[in-house]
């Protein structure tokens, strides 16, 4: 399993304007074969800091995601939405266990 974990920044005043684009990206990505989870969450302590959490079955699924039309559209929207400071890291993980 692959995990992508990190953050992006959206100016706090534009979160409402960005929400429809974020919702489209989440829905389209969650429908992809091999996507186990895909979510965004705004940091309670830092408005505009968006936490990104992705779980993928394997590298092939993730590579297909990177070429999907919806991710290209999402990234093309970033300048209009003021999205900056992309800091995402890829991790390889074993199957989860309860903690």
N, C-alpha and C. Protein backbone atom coordinates (compact mmCIF):
# COMPACT_ATOMS: atom_id res chain seq x y z
N UNK A 1 0.84 -1.16 0.00
CA UNK A 1 0.00 0.00 0.00
C UNK A 1 0.89 1.23 0.00
N UNK A 2 0.45 2.27 -0.72
CA UNK A 2 1.17 3.54 -0.77
C UNK A 2 0.35 4.61 -0.07
N UNK A 3 1.02 5.46 0.66
CA UNK A 3 0.39 6.59 1.33
C UNK A 3 1.01 7.87 0.81
N UNK A 4 0.19 8.86 0.56
CA UNK A 4 0.68 10.21 0.30
C UNK A 4 0.08 11.06 1.41
N UNK A 5 0.96 11.73 2.14
CA UNK A 5 0.54 12.54 3.27
C UNK A 5 1.26 13.87 3.19
N UNK A 6 0.53 14.92 3.43
CA UNK A 6 1.15 16.24 3.42
C UNK A 6 0.15 17.35 3.51
N UNK A 7 0.57 18.53 3.06
CA UNK A 7 -0.27 19.72 3.14
C UNK A 7 -0.13 20.59 1.90
N UNK A 8 -1.14 21.40 1.69
CA UNK A 8 -1.10 22.52 0.75
C UNK A 8 -1.71 23.71 1.48
N UNK A 9 -1.52 24.89 0.94
CA UNK A 9 -2.10 26.08 1.56
C UNK A 9 -3.04 26.76 0.57
N UNK A 10 -4.17 27.18 1.12
CA UNK A 10 -5.15 27.95 0.37
C UNK A 10 -5.42 29.20 1.21
N UNK A 11 -5.39 30.38 0.62
CA UNK A 11 -5.69 31.57 1.42
C UNK A 11 -7.04 31.38 2.13
N UNK A 12 -7.08 31.59 3.44
CA UNK A 12 -8.31 31.32 4.20
C UNK A 12 -9.56 31.97 3.60
N UNK A 13 -9.43 33.11 3.00
CA UNK A 13 -10.58 33.78 2.40
C UNK A 13 -11.10 33.14 1.13
N UNK A 14 -10.34 32.19 0.56
CA UNK A 14 -10.77 31.56 -0.69
C UNK A 14 -11.19 30.10 -0.50
N UNK A 15 -11.23 29.62 0.73
CA UNK A 15 -11.61 28.22 0.98
C UNK A 15 -12.99 27.93 0.40
N UNK A 16 -13.95 28.83 0.62
CA UNK A 16 -15.29 28.58 0.10
C UNK A 16 -15.30 28.54 -1.43
N UNK A 17 -14.48 29.36 -2.05
CA UNK A 17 -14.39 29.36 -3.52
C UNK A 17 -13.71 28.08 -4.01
N UNK A 18 -12.77 27.54 -3.23
CA UNK A 18 -12.04 26.33 -3.63
C UNK A 18 -12.83 25.05 -3.37
N UNK A 19 -13.79 25.11 -2.45
CA UNK A 19 -14.50 23.90 -2.03
C UNK A 19 -15.12 23.11 -3.19
N UNK A 20 -15.83 23.72 -4.15
CA UNK A 20 -16.40 22.92 -5.25
C UNK A 20 -15.33 22.17 -6.06
N UNK A 21 -14.20 22.82 -6.32
CA UNK A 21 -13.12 22.16 -7.07
C UNK A 21 -12.53 21.02 -6.25
N UNK A 22 -12.40 21.23 -4.94
CA UNK A 22 -11.88 20.18 -4.06
C UNK A 22 -12.85 19.00 -4.02
N UNK A 23 -14.13 19.28 -3.91
CA UNK A 23 -15.14 18.21 -3.88
C UNK A 23 -15.13 17.39 -5.17
N UNK A 24 -14.99 18.08 -6.32
CA UNK A 24 -14.91 17.36 -7.61
C UNK A 24 -13.68 16.46 -7.65
N UNK A 25 -12.55 17.00 -7.19
CA UNK A 25 -11.31 16.22 -7.19
C UNK A 25 -11.43 15.00 -6.29
N UNK A 26 -11.99 15.16 -5.11
CA UNK A 26 -12.15 14.06 -4.17
C UNK A 26 -13.06 12.99 -4.76
N UNK A 27 -14.20 13.38 -5.29
CA UNK A 27 -15.16 12.40 -5.83
C UNK A 27 -14.56 11.63 -7.01
N UNK A 28 -13.91 12.33 -7.92
CA UNK A 28 -13.33 11.67 -9.09
C UNK A 28 -12.19 10.74 -8.68
N UNK A 29 -11.38 11.15 -7.73
CA UNK A 29 -10.26 10.32 -7.30
C UNK A 29 -10.73 9.10 -6.55
N UNK A 30 -11.70 9.26 -5.66
CA UNK A 30 -12.23 8.12 -4.92
C UNK A 30 -12.86 7.07 -5.83
N UNK A 31 -13.30 7.48 -7.00
CA UNK A 31 -13.89 6.54 -7.97
C UNK A 31 -12.84 5.78 -8.77
N UNK A 32 -11.59 6.16 -8.66
CA UNK A 32 -10.53 5.50 -9.42
C UNK A 32 -10.24 4.10 -8.87
N UNK A 33 -9.97 3.18 -9.80
CA UNK A 33 -9.54 1.84 -9.41
C UNK A 33 -8.21 1.95 -8.69
N UNK A 34 -8.14 1.38 -7.51
CA UNK A 34 -6.90 1.39 -6.75
C UNK A 34 -6.82 2.47 -5.70
N UNK A 35 -7.77 3.40 -5.68
CA UNK A 35 -7.80 4.42 -4.64
C UNK A 35 -8.50 3.84 -3.43
N UNK A 36 -7.80 3.76 -2.31
CA UNK A 36 -8.37 3.24 -1.07
C UNK A 36 -8.93 4.34 -0.20
N UNK A 37 -8.38 5.53 -0.31
CA UNK A 37 -8.88 6.69 0.44
C UNK A 37 -8.24 7.94 -0.15
N UNK A 38 -8.99 9.03 -0.13
CA UNK A 38 -8.49 10.31 -0.61
C UNK A 38 -9.27 11.39 0.11
N UNK A 39 -8.57 12.24 0.86
CA UNK A 39 -9.30 13.26 1.61
C UNK A 39 -8.46 14.50 1.84
N UNK A 40 -9.18 15.61 2.05
CA UNK A 40 -8.61 16.88 2.43
C UNK A 40 -9.27 17.30 3.74
N UNK A 41 -8.52 17.96 4.61
CA UNK A 41 -9.07 18.47 5.86
C UNK A 41 -8.37 19.76 6.22
N UNK A 42 -9.14 20.78 6.56
CA UNK A 42 -8.54 22.05 6.97
C UNK A 42 -8.07 21.94 8.42
N UNK A 43 -6.88 22.44 8.65
CA UNK A 43 -6.29 22.44 9.99
C UNK A 43 -7.09 23.39 10.90
N UNK A 44 -7.50 22.91 12.05
CA UNK A 44 -8.27 23.71 12.98
C UNK A 44 -7.45 24.87 13.53
N UNK A 45 -6.17 24.65 13.76
CA UNK A 45 -5.31 25.68 14.35
C UNK A 45 -4.72 26.65 13.33
N UNK A 46 -4.68 26.24 12.05
CA UNK A 46 -4.09 27.08 11.00
C UNK A 46 -5.04 27.17 9.82
N UNK A 47 -5.96 28.11 9.81
CA UNK A 47 -6.88 28.25 8.67
C UNK A 47 -6.11 28.36 7.36
N UNK A 48 -6.59 27.65 6.36
CA UNK A 48 -5.95 27.65 5.05
C UNK A 48 -4.91 26.56 4.85
N UNK A 49 -4.51 25.91 5.93
CA UNK A 49 -3.59 24.77 5.81
C UNK A 49 -4.45 23.52 5.61
N UNK A 50 -4.30 22.89 4.46
CA UNK A 50 -5.12 21.74 4.10
C UNK A 50 -4.27 20.47 4.19
N UNK A 51 -4.72 19.54 5.01
CA UNK A 51 -4.05 18.25 5.12
C UNK A 51 -4.57 17.33 4.02
N UNK A 52 -3.65 16.66 3.34
CA UNK A 52 -3.96 15.74 2.26
C UNK A 52 -3.57 14.34 2.73
N UNK A 53 -4.51 13.40 2.61
CA UNK A 53 -4.24 12.01 2.94
C UNK A 53 -4.76 11.15 1.80
N UNK A 54 -3.85 10.36 1.23
CA UNK A 54 -4.21 9.46 0.13
C UNK A 54 -3.70 8.06 0.47
N UNK A 55 -4.50 7.05 0.13
CA UNK A 55 -4.06 5.65 0.24
C UNK A 55 -4.32 4.98 -1.11
N UNK A 56 -3.30 4.31 -1.64
CA UNK A 56 -3.37 3.67 -2.95
C UNK A 56 -2.98 2.20 -2.83
N UNK A 57 -3.65 1.38 -3.61
CA UNK A 57 -3.38 -0.06 -3.60
C UNK A 57 -1.96 -0.36 -4.04
N UNK A 58 -1.50 0.31 -5.10
CA UNK A 58 -0.17 0.01 -5.64
C UNK A 58 0.31 1.17 -6.51
N UNK A 59 1.54 1.06 -6.95
CA UNK A 59 2.17 2.10 -7.77
C UNK A 59 1.45 2.29 -9.10
N UNK A 60 0.97 1.21 -9.71
CA UNK A 60 0.28 1.33 -11.00
C UNK A 60 -0.97 2.20 -10.86
N UNK A 61 -1.73 2.00 -9.80
CA UNK A 61 -2.94 2.81 -9.58
C UNK A 61 -2.57 4.28 -9.38
N UNK A 62 -1.52 4.53 -8.63
CA UNK A 62 -1.09 5.90 -8.39
C UNK A 62 -0.60 6.56 -9.69
N UNK A 63 0.13 5.83 -10.49
CA UNK A 63 0.60 6.37 -11.77
C UNK A 63 -0.57 6.71 -12.69
N UNK A 64 -1.60 5.87 -12.72
CA UNK A 64 -2.79 6.18 -13.53
C UNK A 64 -3.44 7.46 -13.01
N UNK A 65 -3.49 7.60 -11.69
CA UNK A 65 -4.08 8.80 -11.09
C UNK A 65 -3.35 10.05 -11.58
N UNK A 66 -2.03 10.01 -11.62
CA UNK A 66 -1.25 11.17 -12.02
C UNK A 66 -1.52 11.61 -13.46
N UNK A 67 -2.06 10.72 -14.28
CA UNK A 67 -2.36 11.07 -15.67
C UNK A 67 -3.84 11.32 -15.92
N UNK A 68 -4.66 11.24 -14.88
CA UNK A 68 -6.11 11.41 -15.02
C UNK A 68 -6.46 12.87 -15.34
N UNK A 69 -7.52 13.03 -16.12
CA UNK A 69 -7.95 14.38 -16.51
C UNK A 69 -8.30 15.24 -15.30
N UNK A 70 -8.94 14.66 -14.29
CA UNK A 70 -9.37 15.47 -13.14
C UNK A 70 -8.19 16.03 -12.33
N UNK A 71 -7.08 15.31 -12.28
CA UNK A 71 -5.93 15.88 -11.54
C UNK A 71 -5.29 17.01 -12.35
N UNK A 72 -5.28 16.87 -13.67
CA UNK A 72 -4.75 17.96 -14.50
C UNK A 72 -5.61 19.21 -14.35
N UNK A 73 -6.95 19.03 -14.33
CA UNK A 73 -7.85 20.18 -14.14
C UNK A 73 -7.66 20.81 -12.77
N UNK A 74 -7.52 19.96 -11.74
CA UNK A 74 -7.32 20.44 -10.37
C UNK A 74 -6.05 21.28 -10.29
N UNK A 75 -4.96 20.76 -10.81
CA UNK A 75 -3.69 21.50 -10.75
C UNK A 75 -3.74 22.79 -11.57
N UNK A 76 -4.48 22.77 -12.67
CA UNK A 76 -4.61 23.98 -13.48
C UNK A 76 -5.39 25.07 -12.72
N UNK A 77 -6.24 24.68 -11.78
CA UNK A 77 -7.02 25.62 -10.96
C UNK A 77 -6.21 26.26 -9.84
N UNK A 78 -5.07 25.69 -9.49
CA UNK A 78 -4.31 26.17 -8.33
C UNK A 78 -4.00 27.66 -8.37
N UNK A 79 -3.51 28.20 -9.48
CA UNK A 79 -3.21 29.65 -9.47
C UNK A 79 -4.46 30.49 -9.20
N UNK A 80 -5.57 30.13 -9.80
CA UNK A 80 -6.82 30.87 -9.60
C UNK A 80 -7.29 30.80 -8.15
N UNK A 81 -7.06 29.66 -7.50
CA UNK A 81 -7.51 29.45 -6.13
C UNK A 81 -6.46 29.88 -5.10
N UNK A 82 -5.26 30.22 -5.56
CA UNK A 82 -4.21 30.65 -4.65
C UNK A 82 -3.54 29.52 -3.88
N UNK A 83 -3.60 28.31 -4.41
CA UNK A 83 -3.01 27.16 -3.74
C UNK A 83 -1.49 27.21 -3.88
N UNK A 84 -0.80 27.11 -2.73
CA UNK A 84 0.66 27.19 -2.69
C UNK A 84 1.21 26.18 -1.69
N UNK A 85 2.50 26.21 -1.55
CA UNK A 85 3.21 25.46 -0.50
C UNK A 85 2.85 23.98 -0.49
N UNK A 86 2.82 23.37 -1.64
CA UNK A 86 2.54 21.94 -1.74
C UNK A 86 3.69 21.17 -1.10
N UNK A 87 3.37 20.38 -0.09
CA UNK A 87 4.37 19.57 0.61
C UNK A 87 3.78 18.18 0.84
N UNK A 88 3.93 17.32 -0.15
CA UNK A 88 3.38 15.96 -0.09
C UNK A 88 4.51 14.95 -0.15
N UNK A 89 4.40 13.92 0.66
CA UNK A 89 5.42 12.86 0.70
C UNK A 89 4.76 11.51 0.44
N UNK A 90 5.47 10.64 -0.28
CA UNK A 90 5.01 9.29 -0.58
C UNK A 90 5.68 8.31 0.37
N UNK A 91 4.87 7.43 0.94
CA UNK A 91 5.37 6.40 1.86
C UNK A 91 4.86 5.04 1.40
N UNK A 92 5.68 4.02 1.56
CA UNK A 92 5.25 2.65 1.35
C UNK A 92 4.92 2.08 2.72
N UNK A 93 3.79 1.40 2.82
CA UNK A 93 3.35 0.89 4.12
C UNK A 93 2.84 -0.54 3.99
N UNK A 94 2.92 -1.25 5.09
CA UNK A 94 2.32 -2.58 5.15
C UNK A 94 0.84 -2.41 5.46
N UNK A 95 0.13 -3.48 5.54
CA UNK A 95 -1.28 -3.42 5.88
C UNK A 95 -1.44 -2.85 7.28
N UNK A 96 -2.49 -2.08 7.51
CA UNK A 96 -2.65 -1.44 8.81
C UNK A 96 -3.01 -2.45 9.91
N UNK A 97 -2.66 -2.07 11.12
CA UNK A 97 -3.06 -2.84 12.30
C UNK A 97 -3.72 -1.87 13.27
N UNK A 98 -4.57 -2.38 14.10
CA UNK A 98 -5.24 -1.56 15.10
C UNK A 98 -4.23 -1.06 16.13
N UNK A 99 -4.41 0.17 16.61
CA UNK A 99 -3.55 0.71 17.66
C UNK A 99 -4.38 1.11 18.86
